[in-house]
């Protein structure tokens, strides 16, 4: 079984803060659709689906943010 950590980043008192929002078990195939569905379920559960930017880290250095 694999897991995905969903982190949130936010400003608080003028500083960027981060917290682990959820630790999601991935018990199905590791397809993009399966992972996206589990992350979406977490965002809905915490009522964050309409106020989120997704960021992807590739090989430690490349960074993409989708808002």
Protein backbone atom coordinates (compact mmCIF):
# COMPACT_ATOMS: atom_id res chain seq x y z
CA UNK A 1 0.00 0.00 0.00
CA UNK A 2 1.19 3.51 -0.80
CA UNK A 3 0.39 6.87 0.78
CA UNK A 4 0.21 10.49 -0.35
CA UNK A 5 0.73 13.40 2.00
CA UNK A 6 -1.45 16.44 1.31
CA UNK A 7 0.16 19.60 2.69
CA UNK A 8 -1.40 23.03 2.99
CA UNK A 9 0.49 26.32 2.92
CA UNK A 10 -1.00 29.57 4.17
CA UNK A 11 -0.10 33.00 5.49
CA UNK A 12 -0.49 33.59 9.22
CA UNK A 13 0.71 36.75 10.94
CA UNK A 14 2.74 37.64 7.86
CA UNK A 15 4.61 34.32 7.67
CA UNK A 16 4.13 31.30 5.45
CA UNK A 17 2.99 28.29 7.45
CA UNK A 18 2.56 24.67 6.41
CA UNK A 19 0.62 21.77 7.87
CA UNK A 20 -0.04 18.18 6.90
CA UNK A 21 -3.73 18.18 5.98
CA UNK A 22 -4.13 14.46 5.35
CA UNK A 23 -2.22 11.25 4.82
CA UNK A 24 -4.10 9.36 2.11
CA UNK A 25 -3.71 5.60 1.55
CA UNK A 26 -3.70 4.68 -2.14
CA UNK A 27 -5.04 1.14 -2.25
CA UNK A 28 -5.84 1.09 -5.98
CA UNK A 29 -3.65 1.48 -9.04
CA UNK A 30 -1.18 4.36 -9.11
CA UNK A 31 -2.83 6.02 -12.07
CA UNK A 32 -3.22 9.76 -12.31
CA UNK A 33 -6.99 9.39 -12.20
CA UNK A 34 -6.93 7.31 -9.00
CA UNK A 35 -4.57 9.70 -7.22
CA UNK A 36 -6.54 12.76 -8.41
CA UNK A 37 -9.79 11.24 -7.14
CA UNK A 38 -8.36 10.57 -3.66
CA UNK A 39 -6.86 14.07 -3.42
CA UNK A 40 -10.17 15.57 -4.60
CA UNK A 41 -12.05 13.60 -1.91
CA UNK A 42 -9.74 15.08 0.72
CA UNK A 43 -10.26 18.61 -0.58
CA UNK A 44 -14.04 18.13 -0.50
CA UNK A 45 -13.89 16.66 3.00
CA UNK A 46 -12.06 19.75 4.29
CA UNK A 47 -14.17 22.11 2.12
CA UNK A 48 -11.12 23.37 0.24
CA UNK A 49 -11.95 22.35 -3.32
CA UNK A 50 -12.72 25.92 -4.45
CA UNK A 51 -9.68 27.61 -2.87
CA UNK A 52 -6.68 25.54 -3.77
CA UNK A 53 -3.50 25.77 -5.84
CA UNK A 54 -1.91 22.49 -6.76
CA UNK A 55 1.84 22.32 -6.78
CA UNK A 56 3.93 19.55 -8.19
CA UNK A 57 7.57 18.85 -7.43
CA UNK A 58 9.57 16.85 -9.94
CA UNK A 59 13.00 15.47 -9.07
CA UNK A 60 13.50 17.92 -6.18
CA UNK A 61 14.13 21.00 -8.36
CA UNK A 62 11.39 21.53 -10.95
CA UNK A 63 8.27 23.19 -9.59
CA UNK A 64 4.88 23.75 -11.20
CA UNK A 65 1.95 25.56 -9.56
CA UNK A 66 -1.61 25.45 -10.92
CA UNK A 67 -4.10 27.95 -9.47
